[in-house]
Amino acid sequence: MAEYTMQEVEDLNNAGKTLLYPRMIIEGKCGSDELAKAMTRGTFISSGEAKAMLCLLGREIAKQMALGRSVKIDGVGLFSPSLGIKKGKERENADGSGTRRNASSIMVNGVHFRPDKELLVETDRRCNLSRAKTKFARHRSRYTPEQRLDLARQLLAGQPFITVKGYALLTGLSQTTAGRELRRWAETPGSGIGKDGFGTHRVYVAKEQ
């Protein structure tokens, strides 16, 4: 039986108020050996054969993504590679000035996974939840939204960009709430905050008010 708790996060639309969201408590991890044994229980397939197939599956997914393809596994989901700049290499400037990055400066630094609807339905069908006695720590900033915006502006006056993680550390918000608030600032005319990049490479920059 899985357990959940209600996590309290700041309501970005109502200063000083919070919202509660359900969050599952993750306990333990199912590795390849355990998964292979569970998959082959009641079949004529050995767990060793199943584990070998899992390894082959992982290698083939990597091979196909390396060719610039996404991989769709029915009942599981869609895997797509994401790129990033290698450590120690500078980003290209959006205006075309400065150093341009070539292929040797770029690497695959992540994989996006979009679960198949069937996987979600099956997981929910099998899930038997109970409320945990413990609670997650609250993420409540000691600054008002206006003060947090001013902090971001001050920071961007001295550096080219700020990440969601950096904004979370700066303001005391959770990363989820920090990301939502930065997106809201970027979409608000006159906020002085803009955005650059896409997906996992998105950063927030100073913008003329």
Protein backbone atom coordinates (compact mmCIF):
# COMPACT_ATOMS: atom_id res chain seq x y z
CA MET A 1 0.00 0.00 0.00
CA ALA A 2 1.36 3.40 -0.98
CA GLU A 3 1.11 6.43 1.31
CA TYR A 4 0.50 10.06 0.46
CA THR A 5 0.61 13.35 2.28
CA MET A 6 -0.68 16.83 1.54
CA GLN A 7 2.12 19.26 0.78
CA GLU A 8 1.59 22.94 1.49
CA VAL A 9 2.87 25.38 -1.13
CA GLU A 10 2.43 29.11 -1.55
CA ASP A 11 -0.52 30.28 -3.64
CA LEU A 12 1.03 32.59 -6.23
CA ASN A 13 -2.34 34.17 -7.01
CA ASN A 14 -3.11 35.06 -3.39
CA ALA A 15 -0.27 36.54 -1.37
CA GLY A 16 0.06 35.08 2.12
CA LYS A 17 -2.14 32.07 1.37
CA THR A 18 -1.16 28.48 0.69
CA LEU A 19 -2.57 25.52 -1.23
CA LEU A 20 -2.44 21.80 -0.46
CA TYR A 21 -1.41 19.25 -3.09
CA PRO A 22 -1.36 15.46 -2.68
CA ARG A 23 2.10 13.93 -2.96
CA MET A 24 3.02 10.25 -2.88
CA ILE A 25 5.74 9.17 -0.45
CA ILE A 26 8.34 7.17 -2.37
CA GLU A 27 9.87 4.40 -0.27
CA GLY A 28 12.48 2.13 -1.81
CA LYS A 29 13.36 1.37 -5.40
CA CYS A 30 12.63 -1.61 -7.63
CA GLY A 31 15.85 -2.63 -9.41
CA SER A 32 16.40 -4.76 -12.53
CA ASP A 33 16.77 -8.04 -10.62
CA GLU A 34 13.53 -7.59 -8.68
CA LEU A 35 11.67 -6.36 -11.76
CA ALA A 36 12.86 -9.32 -13.84
CA LYS A 37 11.72 -11.80 -11.19
CA ALA A 38 8.32 -10.11 -10.89
CA MET A 39 7.85 -10.03 -14.67
CA THR A 40 8.56 -13.76 -15.10
CA ARG A 41 6.58 -15.05 -12.12
CA GLY A 42 4.15 -17.70 -13.39
CA THR A 43 5.80 -17.89 -16.84
CA PHE A 44 8.31 -20.19 -18.53
CA ILE A 45 10.78 -17.31 -19.00
CA SER A 46 13.73 -17.18 -16.60
CA SER A 47 14.47 -14.01 -14.65
CA GLY A 48 17.95 -14.01 -16.22
CA GLU A 49 16.47 -13.89 -19.70
CA ALA A 50 14.09 -11.10 -18.69
CA LYS A 51 16.95 -9.07 -17.19
CA ALA A 52 18.96 -9.54 -20.39
CA MET A 53 16.02 -8.25 -22.42
CA LEU A 54 15.74 -5.20 -20.15
CA CYS A 55 19.44 -4.46 -20.77
CA LEU A 56 18.97 -4.87 -24.53
CA LEU A 57 15.94 -2.58 -24.41
CA GLY A 58 17.93 0.15 -22.66
CA ARG A 59 20.76 -0.10 -25.19
CA GLU A 60 18.41 0.02 -28.17
CA ILE A 61 16.54 3.04 -26.77
CA ALA A 62 19.90 4.81 -26.40
CA LYS A 63 20.89 3.83 -29.96
CA GLN A 64 17.67 5.13 -31.50
CA MET A 65 17.78 8.41 -29.54
CA ALA A 66 21.42 8.88 -30.60
CA LEU A 67 20.13 8.82 -34.19
CA GLY A 68 17.83 11.74 -33.40
CA ARG A 69 14.68 9.69 -32.94
CA SER A 70 12.18 9.46 -30.10
CA VAL A 71 11.18 5.98 -28.93
CA LYS A 72 7.56 5.02 -28.28
CA ILE A 73 6.90 1.86 -26.24
CA ASP A 74 3.20 0.99 -26.19
CA GLY A 75 1.84 0.89 -22.68
CA VAL A 76 4.95 2.61 -21.28
CA GLY A 77 5.55 5.95 -22.94
CA LEU A 78 7.68 8.15 -25.18
CA PHE A 79 11.42 8.75 -24.66
CA SER A 80 13.09 11.79 -26.26
CA PRO A 81 16.69 13.04 -25.82
CA SER A 82 17.53 16.58 -24.71
CA LEU A 83 20.75 18.52 -25.36
CA GLY A 84 22.89 20.82 -23.25
CA ILE A 85 26.19 22.69 -23.31
CA LYS A 86 29.20 20.82 -21.94
CA LYS A 87 30.63 21.97 -18.62
CA GLY A 88 33.06 24.83 -19.01
CA LYS A 89 31.62 25.97 -22.35
CA GLU A 90 29.86 29.33 -22.70
CA ARG A 91 26.37 29.67 -24.12
CA GLU A 92 25.74 31.37 -27.43
CA ASN A 93 24.22 34.83 -27.24
CA ALA A 94 20.71 35.12 -28.67
CA ASP A 95 21.72 38.20 -30.70
CA GLY A 96 24.41 36.23 -32.55
CA SER A 97 27.36 37.99 -30.92
CA GLY A 98 30.18 36.10 -29.22
CA THR A 99 31.36 32.53 -29.67
CA ARG A 100 29.22 30.07 -31.61
CA ARG A 101 28.95 26.54 -30.23
CA ASN A 102 29.85 23.61 -32.47
CA ALA A 103 28.94 19.94 -32.05
CA SER A 104 31.98 19.22 -29.85
CA SER A 105 30.59 21.64 -27.24
CA ILE A 106 27.15 20.02 -27.07
CA MET A 107 26.12 16.82 -25.31
CA VAL A 108 23.03 14.73 -24.56
CA ASN A 109 22.37 15.68 -20.94
CA GLY A 110 18.90 14.32 -20.32
CA VAL A 111 15.95 12.26 -21.50
CA HIS A 112 12.37 13.50 -21.52
CA PHE A 113 9.77 10.86 -20.70
CA ARG A 114 6.07 11.24 -21.45
CA PRO A 115 4.08 8.35 -19.97
CA ASP A 116 1.55 6.49 -22.05
CA LYS A 117 -2.05 7.01 -20.95
CA GLU A 118 -2.37 3.25 -20.49
CA LEU A 119 0.51 3.30 -17.97
CA LEU A 120 -1.19 6.02 -15.93
CA VAL A 121 -4.55 4.24 -15.98
CA GLU A 122 -3.01 0.91 -14.97
CA THR A 123 -0.95 2.49 -12.17
CA ASP A 124 -4.01 4.28 -10.81
CA ARG A 125 -6.09 1.10 -11.03
CA ARG A 126 -3.56 -0.86 -8.97
CA CYS A 127 -2.81 1.95 -6.49
CA ASN A 128 -4.34 1.62 -3.02
CA LEU A 129 -3.55 4.81 -1.13
CA SER A 130 -3.59 5.64 2.57
CA ARG A 131 -2.78 8.97 4.18
CA ALA A 132 0.57 9.08 5.96
CA LYS A 133 0.97 10.40 9.48
CA THR A 134 4.06 12.39 8.55
CA LYS A 135 3.98 15.69 6.66
CA PHE A 136 6.28 17.29 4.13
CA ALA A 137 8.05 20.45 5.20
CA ARG A 138 6.30 23.62 4.11
CA HIS A 139 7.94 25.88 1.53
CA ARG A 140 6.88 29.38 2.54
CA SER A 141 8.91 32.40 1.52
CA ARG A 142 9.53 35.19 4.02
CA TYR A 143 9.25 37.69 1.15
CA THR A 144 6.14 39.07 -0.52
CA PRO A 145 5.76 38.52 -4.29
CA GLU A 146 6.77 42.14 -4.90
CA GLN A 147 9.89 41.72 -2.76
CA ARG A 148 10.80 38.52 -4.61
CA LEU A 149 10.46 40.31 -7.95
CA ASP A 150 12.72 43.09 -6.69
CA LEU A 151 15.30 40.50 -5.54
CA ALA A 152 15.29 38.93 -8.99
CA ARG A 153 15.74 42.32 -10.67
CA GLN A 154 18.66 43.17 -8.38
CA LEU A 155 20.31 39.83 -9.10
CA LEU A 156 19.89 40.20 -12.87
CA ALA A 157 21.47 43.65 -12.70
CA GLY A 158 24.75 41.91 -11.87
CA GLN A 159 24.55 38.64 -13.81
CA PRO A 160 23.18 37.56 -17.23
CA PHE A 161 20.48 35.11 -16.11
CA ILE A 162 18.85 33.26 -13.23
CA THR A 163 17.65 29.64 -13.15
CA VAL A 164 14.59 28.23 -11.39
CA LYS A 165 16.87 26.58 -8.82
CA GLY A 166 18.69 29.86 -8.22
CA TYR A 167 15.40 31.73 -7.77
CA ALA A 168 14.20 29.07 -5.32
CA LEU A 169 17.36 29.47 -3.24
CA LEU A 170 17.09 33.25 -3.43
CA THR A 171 13.46 33.46 -2.29
CA GLY A 172 12.90 30.36 -0.15
CA LEU A 173 10.24 28.94 -2.47
CA SER A 174 10.12 25.33 -3.59
CA GLN A 175 11.49 24.75 -7.09
CA THR A 176 8.00 23.99 -8.39
CA THR A 177 6.57 27.23 -7.02
CA ALA A 178 9.67 29.18 -8.08
CA GLY A 179 9.26 27.93 -11.65
CA ARG A 180 5.60 28.94 -11.77
CA GLU A 181 6.36 32.39 -10.38
CA LEU A 182 9.21 33.03 -12.82
CA ARG A 183 6.96 32.05 -15.72
CA ARG A 184 4.33 34.44 -14.43
CA TRP A 185 6.88 37.30 -14.16
CA ALA A 186 8.06 36.58 -17.72
CA GLU A 187 4.48 36.78 -19.01
CA THR A 188 3.71 40.00 -17.09
CA PRO A 189 4.36 43.20 -19.11
CA GLY A 190 6.61 45.62 -17.24
CA SER A 191 7.95 43.04 -14.77
CA GLY A 192 11.51 43.46 -16.00
CA ILE A 193 11.85 39.67 -16.33
CA GLY A 194 12.09 37.81 -19.63
CA LYS A 195 12.88 34.24 -20.62
CA ASP A 196 15.41 32.61 -22.89
CA GLY A 197 15.91 29.01 -24.03
CA PHE A 198 13.51 26.09 -24.04
CA GLY A 199 12.58 23.15 -21.81
CA THR A 200 15.27 22.13 -19.34
CA HIS A 201 17.58 24.83 -20.77
CA ARG A 202 15.25 27.74 -20.03
CA VAL A 203 16.70 30.62 -18.04
CA TYR A 204 15.29 34.01 -17.06
CA VAL A 205 16.91 37.28 -18.03
CA ALA A 206 16.53 40.99 -17.48
CA LYS A 207 14.07 42.67 -19.84
CA GLU A 208 13.42 46.35 -20.48
CA GLN A 209 10.34 47.51 -18.59
